[in-house]
Amino acid sequence: MITKIVGGIIAVIAIVYFTCAYTVDETERAILFKFGEIKQADIKPGLHWKIPIINDVRFFDSRILTLDVKPDLFPTSEKKYVYVDFFVKWRIDNVRDYFVATGGIEERANNRLSQITKDELRDEFAQRTIKEAVSGERADIMTSLVLKANELSKQLGIQIVDLRVSRIDYTEDISDSVYERMRAERDRVAKDFRARGRESAEKIKAAADRERQVTLADAYKQSEQLRGEGDATAADIYARAYGKNEEFYSLTKSLNAYKQTFSGKNDILVLEPDSQFFRYFNQSRQ
């Protein structure tokens, strides 16, 4: 009997626990309703209690969520349009306001948030030129946009953590103009490089020609010095040889002259018999 009573008590406790207790996870926030009316909002993580049938609980994701907005056309101050692709990082800041504004439906919150950020981004782009929007002032645009959009998203119970432009594309007419400017700029840079290359080539060629002329002049100077030294040495040898035996020197020169003159069988030299050229021949006949 006692066992049955204890078992019954345990069963009652289990039923009460599963029907009256609920747990809020670390990544969630909850709202407690009483007959459809908000009784307690922004319930923190942990174990909590409710009255069955009377109370109802709704859970909401408290983590940072991502809204990826489809590319849309935005006008610049020059009345030219660009395609802008951006995304928003947001989270639920006030659960009560979030539920009242969106019914707790994330898709509805994304639609409202998308419209807010698009309107603010359109205003920011309308104050800037294409060049400013694309390059120089993108960081300023994002900072200003987050501040303005957060003021408007407070009524939704939402906090915008970050907003980033992932891509900016030109429309076809602007793209053609930009590509032409880019092509002209690249052509200008290429011509500048070619001009500097030709200038460097001329400098290198001039330096090489100058070095060549200097090298040739130095070589000619050295060759003339060596030739002069050789001629001087030869003249000195000839002079010393001639001084030792003048007659033998004359004979040697005459023999060399005969050899060079009569190098072939058909060589003919017409001279008088008593010419100085045949002096040693005439002496040999005596």
Protein backbone atom coordinates (compact mmCIF):
# COMPACT_ATOMS: atom_id res chain seq x y z
CA MET A 1 0.00 0.00 0.00
CA ILE A 2 2.75 2.42 0.98
CA THR A 3 4.56 1.60 -2.24
CA LYS A 4 1.51 2.51 -4.29
CA ILE A 5 1.12 5.80 -2.41
CA VAL A 6 4.79 6.72 -2.97
CA GLY A 7 4.50 5.76 -6.63
CA GLY A 8 1.37 7.91 -6.94
CA ILE A 9 3.11 10.89 -5.30
CA ILE A 10 6.06 10.51 -7.65
CA ALA A 11 3.73 10.33 -10.64
CA VAL A 12 1.91 13.48 -9.50
CA ILE A 13 5.22 15.28 -8.98
CA ALA A 14 6.39 14.22 -12.46
CA ILE A 15 3.18 15.43 -14.06
CA VAL A 16 3.37 18.74 -12.20
CA TYR A 17 7.01 19.16 -13.21
CA PHE A 18 6.48 18.47 -16.90
CA THR A 19 3.35 20.63 -17.08
CA CYS A 20 4.45 23.50 -14.84
CA ALA A 21 8.22 23.72 -15.40
CA TYR A 22 9.98 25.03 -18.47
CA THR A 23 13.62 25.75 -19.28
CA VAL A 24 15.05 28.73 -21.17
CA ASP A 25 18.28 27.94 -23.00
CA GLU A 26 21.37 30.17 -22.98
CA THR A 27 20.72 31.11 -26.61
CA GLU A 28 17.09 32.05 -25.98
CA ARG A 29 14.82 34.60 -24.36
CA ALA A 30 11.20 33.89 -23.43
CA ILE A 31 7.86 35.62 -22.84
CA LEU A 32 5.29 34.30 -20.37
CA PHE A 33 1.64 34.85 -21.36
CA LYS A 34 -1.51 34.72 -19.23
CA PHE A 35 -4.56 34.05 -21.37
CA GLY A 36 -2.72 35.59 -24.38
CA GLU A 37 -1.59 38.70 -22.49
CA ILE A 38 2.09 39.28 -21.80
CA LYS A 39 2.66 38.58 -18.14
CA GLN A 40 6.47 38.54 -18.06
CA ALA A 41 8.92 39.42 -20.85
CA ASP A 42 12.62 38.89 -21.45
CA ILE A 43 12.83 35.84 -19.22
CA LYS A 44 16.47 34.95 -18.69
CA PRO A 45 17.99 31.46 -19.15
CA GLY A 46 17.27 28.89 -16.45
CA LEU A 47 14.44 26.85 -14.94
CA HIS A 48 11.09 28.60 -14.55
CA TRP A 49 7.50 27.76 -13.59
CA LYS A 50 4.09 28.35 -15.14
CA ILE A 51 0.49 27.47 -14.46
CA PRO A 52 -0.83 24.94 -16.98
CA ILE A 53 -3.64 26.11 -19.26
CA ILE A 54 -3.48 29.63 -17.78
CA ASN A 55 0.08 30.38 -18.85
CA ASP A 56 1.81 29.92 -22.18
CA VAL A 57 5.47 30.46 -23.07
CA ARG A 58 7.07 31.66 -26.36
CA PHE A 59 10.78 31.29 -27.03
CA PHE A 60 12.95 33.60 -29.16
CA ASP A 61 16.51 33.26 -30.46
CA SER A 62 18.82 35.71 -28.65
CA ARG A 63 21.87 35.05 -30.86
CA ILE A 64 23.13 37.40 -33.55
CA LEU A 65 21.17 36.78 -36.76
CA THR A 66 22.02 37.64 -40.36
CA LEU A 67 19.85 39.47 -42.86
CA ASP A 68 21.24 39.08 -46.39
CA VAL A 69 19.58 41.76 -48.52
CA LYS A 70 19.18 41.20 -52.26
CA PRO A 71 21.03 43.68 -54.53
CA ASP A 72 19.05 46.82 -55.27
CA LEU A 73 19.55 50.04 -57.25
CA PHE A 74 20.64 53.12 -55.31
CA PRO A 75 21.04 56.62 -56.83
CA THR A 76 24.12 58.77 -56.18
CA SER A 77 24.35 62.56 -56.02
CA GLU A 78 25.22 62.49 -59.74
CA LYS A 79 21.84 60.89 -60.50
CA LYS A 80 23.57 57.69 -61.53
CA TYR A 81 22.54 54.30 -60.22
CA VAL A 82 24.61 51.49 -58.71
CA TYR A 83 23.69 47.99 -57.57
CA VAL A 84 24.41 47.54 -53.85
CA ASP A 85 24.54 44.16 -52.13
CA PHE A 86 24.74 44.30 -48.32
CA PHE A 87 24.00 42.28 -45.19
CA VAL A 88 22.93 43.16 -41.64
CA LYS A 89 23.91 41.54 -38.36
CA TRP A 90 21.14 42.00 -35.76
CA ARG A 91 19.75 40.56 -32.56
CA ILE A 92 16.66 40.89 -30.38
CA ASP A 93 17.24 43.65 -27.86
CA ASN A 94 13.78 43.96 -26.29
CA VAL A 95 11.66 40.82 -26.47
CA ARG A 96 8.37 42.56 -25.59
CA ASP A 97 8.75 45.22 -28.31
CA TYR A 98 9.94 42.60 -30.77
CA PHE A 99 6.86 40.45 -30.21
CA VAL A 100 4.45 43.41 -30.35
CA ALA A 101 6.01 44.76 -33.60
CA THR A 102 6.56 41.51 -35.47
CA GLY A 103 4.44 38.91 -33.71
CA GLY A 104 7.66 37.05 -33.02
CA ILE A 105 7.98 36.08 -36.68
CA GLU A 106 11.59 36.35 -37.87
CA GLU A 107 10.65 36.73 -41.55
CA ARG A 108 8.46 39.71 -40.73
CA ALA A 109 11.28 41.25 -38.70
CA ASN A 110 13.69 40.77 -41.60
CA ASN A 111 11.29 42.49 -44.01
CA ARG A 112 10.88 45.50 -41.72
CA LEU A 113 14.59 45.70 -41.04
CA SER A 114 15.39 45.37 -44.75
CA GLN A 115 13.16 48.33 -45.59
CA ILE A 116 14.69 50.48 -42.83
CA THR A 117 18.28 49.79 -43.88
CA LYS A 118 17.49 50.25 -47.58
CA ASP A 119 15.92 53.65 -46.96
CA GLU A 120 18.85 54.83 -44.86
CA LEU A 121 21.40 53.45 -47.29
CA ARG A 122 19.61 55.16 -50.18
CA ASP A 123 19.85 58.49 -48.32
CA GLU A 124 23.58 57.98 -47.67
CA PHE A 125 24.35 57.17 -51.30
CA ALA A 126 22.25 60.09 -52.54
CA GLN A 127 24.60 62.48 -50.70
CA ARG A 128 27.76 61.13 -52.36
CA THR A 129 29.29 60.70 -55.79
CA ILE A 130 30.04 57.27 -57.24
CA LYS A 131 33.73 57.62 -56.46
CA GLU A 132 33.04 58.59 -52.84
CA ALA A 133 30.55 55.78 -52.36
CA VAL A 134 32.71 53.09 -53.95
CA SER A 135 36.08 53.89 -52.45
CA GLY A 136 36.82 56.82 -50.22
CA GLU A 137 33.89 57.05 -47.81
CA ARG A 138 32.48 53.53 -47.52
CA ALA A 139 33.54 53.19 -43.87
CA ASP A 140 31.88 56.53 -43.02
CA ILE A 141 28.70 55.42 -44.77
CA MET A 142 28.55 52.22 -42.73
CA THR A 143 29.18 53.98 -39.41
CA SER A 144 26.53 56.62 -40.05
CA LEU A 145 24.08 54.05 -41.37
CA VAL A 146 24.33 51.80 -38.30
CA LEU A 147 23.66 54.74 -35.97
CA LYS A 148 20.63 55.97 -37.94
CA ALA A 149 19.17 52.51 -38.55
CA ASN A 150 19.49 51.61 -34.86
CA GLU A 151 17.35 54.61 -33.91
CA LEU A 152 14.57 53.34 -36.17
CA SER A 153 14.93 49.65 -35.30
CA LYS A 154 14.45 50.32 -31.56
CA GLN A 155 10.70 50.34 -32.12
CA LEU A 156 11.05 46.77 -33.40
CA GLY A 157 12.97 45.71 -30.30
CA ILE A 158 15.95 45.03 -32.55
CA GLN A 159 19.60 46.11 -32.24
CA ILE A 160 21.73 46.32 -35.40
CA VAL A 161 25.15 44.98 -34.48
CA ASP A 162 26.83 45.58 -37.83
CA LEU A 163 26.10 46.41 -41.45
CA ARG A 164 28.47 45.75 -44.34
CA VAL A 165 28.32 46.38 -48.06
CA SER A 166 29.58 43.21 -49.70
CA ARG A 167 29.51 44.43 -53.30
CA ILE A 168 28.81 47.52 -55.40
CA ASP A 169 28.20 46.99 -59.12
CA TYR A 170 27.77 49.62 -61.78
CA THR A 171 24.89 49.65 -64.19
CA GLU A 172 25.75 48.88 -67.81
CA ASP A 173 26.09 52.51 -68.96
CA ILE A 174 28.28 53.42 -66.00
CA SER A 175 30.34 50.24 -66.41
CA ASP A 176 31.17 51.15 -70.01
CA SER A 177 32.24 54.64 -68.93
CA VAL A 178 34.30 53.29 -66.04
CA TYR A 179 35.96 50.67 -68.24
CA GLU A 180 36.85 53.34 -70.81
CA ARG A 181 38.41 55.49 -68.10
CA MET A 182 40.25 52.48 -66.72
CA ARG A 183 41.47 51.56 -70.21
CA ALA A 184 42.62 55.15 -70.85
CA GLU A 185 44.39 55.22 -67.50
CA ARG A 186 46.11 51.90 -68.20
CA ASP A 187 47.15 53.16 -71.65
CA ARG A 188 48.56 56.30 -70.09
CA VAL A 189 50.51 54.27 -67.53
CA ALA A 190 51.75 51.91 -70.27
CA LYS A 191 52.91 54.84 -72.42
CA ASP A 192 54.65 56.34 -69.43
CA PHE A 193 56.46 53.05 -68.74
CA ARG A 194 57.42 52.75 -72.42
CA ALA A 195 58.73 56.32 -72.48
CA ARG A 196 60.78 55.73 -69.35
CA GLY A 197 62.00 52.45 -70.83
CA ARG A 198 63.13 54.20 -74.02
CA GLU A 199 64.81 56.89 -71.96
CA SER A 200 66.63 54.27 -69.89
CA ALA A 201 67.58 52.38 -73.07
CA GLU A 202 69.05 55.56 -74.60
CA LYS A 203 70.99 56.27 -71.43
CA ILE A 204 72.33 52.72 -71.34
CA LYS A 205 73.23 52.83 -75.04
CA ALA A 206 74.96 56.21 -74.65
CA ALA A 207 76.89 54.95 -71.64
CA ALA A 208 77.88 51.78 -73.54
CA ASP A 209 79.00 53.82 -76.60
CA ARG A 210 80.99 56.15 -74.39
CA GLU A 211 82.60 53.21 -72.61
CA ARG A 212 83.35 51.62 -75.99
CA GLN A 213 85.02 54.79 -77.27
CA VAL A 214 87.04 55.13 -74.08
CA THR A 215 88.05 51.46 -74.27
CA LEU A 216 89.09 51.79 -77.94
CA ALA A 217 91.01 55.00 -77.21
CA ASP A 218 92.82 53.39 -74.30
CA ALA A 219 93.58 50.31 -76.42
CA TYR A 220 94.87 52.47 -79.30
CA LYS A 221 96.97 54.49 -76.87
CA GLN A 222 98.47 51.33 -75.38
CA SER A 223 99.06 49.81 -78.83
CA GLU A 224 100.86 52.95 -80.01
CA GLN A 225 102.97 52.98 -76.88
CA LEU A 226 103.85 49.31 -77.34
CA ARG A 227 104.54 49.86 -81.05
CA GLY A 228 106.75 52.83 -80.26
CA GLU A 229 108.57 50.86 -77.61
CA GLY A 230 108.98 47.96 -80.06
CA ASP A 231 110.25 50.26 -82.81
CA ALA A 232 112.65 51.86 -80.38
CA THR A 233 113.90 48.47 -79.22
CA ALA A 234 114.27 47.28 -82.83
CA ALA A 235 116.09 50.46 -83.81
CA ASP A 236 118.39 50.04 -80.84
CA ILE A 237 119.12 46.42 -81.80
CA TYR A 238 119.71 47.44 -85.41
CA ALA A 239 122.00 50.28 -84.33
CA ARG A 240 124.04 48.10 -82.01
CA ALA A 241 124.28 45.34 -84.63
CA TYR A 242 125.27 47.83 -87.32
CA GLY A 243 127.90 49.35 -85.04
CA LYS A 244 129.60 46.02 -84.40
CA ASN A 245 130.06 45.07 -88.10
CA GLU A 246 128.77 47.55 -90.60
CA GLU A 247 129.84 45.51 -93.63
CA PHE A 248 128.13 42.35 -92.42
CA TYR A 249 124.98 44.37 -91.65
CA SER A 250 124.95 45.76 -95.20
CA LEU A 251 125.45 42.29 -96.64
CA THR A 252 122.55 40.88 -94.56
CA LYS A 253 120.24 43.66 -95.69
CA SER A 254 121.23 43.13 -99.32
CA LEU A 255 120.62 39.41 -99.11
CA ASN A 256 117.19 40.02 -97.58
CA ALA A 257 116.46 42.47 -100.35
CA TYR A 258 117.53 39.93 -103.01
CA LYS A 259 115.33 37.31 -101.36
CA GLN A 260 112.25 39.55 -101.24
CA THR A 261 112.81 40.89 -104.77
CA PHE A 262 113.33 37.53 -106.46
CA SER A 263 110.71 35.51 -104.59
CA GLY A 264 109.33 33.94 -107.82
CA LYS A 265 110.80 32.46 -111.03
CA ASN A 266 109.19 35.08 -113.22
CA ASP A 267 110.35 38.09 -111.21
CA ILE A 268 112.31 40.61 -113.37
CA LEU A 269 114.23 43.68 -112.20
CA VAL A 270 115.74 46.04 -114.78
CA LEU A 271 118.78 47.89 -113.37
CA GLU A 272 122.14 49.06 -114.61
CA PRO A 273 124.93 46.52 -114.03
CA ASP A 274 126.92 48.88 -111.87
CA SER A 275 123.92 49.72 -109.70
CA GLN A 276 124.42 49.84 -105.95
CA PHE A 277 121.84 47.08 -105.64
CA PHE A 278 124.26 44.58 -107.20
CA ARG A 279 127.27 45.85 -105.31
CA TYR A 280 128.01 42.53 -103.61
CA PHE A 281 127.47 40.56 -106.83
CA ASN A 282 129.95 42.78 -108.62
CA GLN A 283 132.47 42.34 -105.75
CA SER A 284 132.14 38.55 -105.94
CA ARG A 285 133.18 38.57 -109.60
CA GLN A 286 136.43 40.42 -108.85
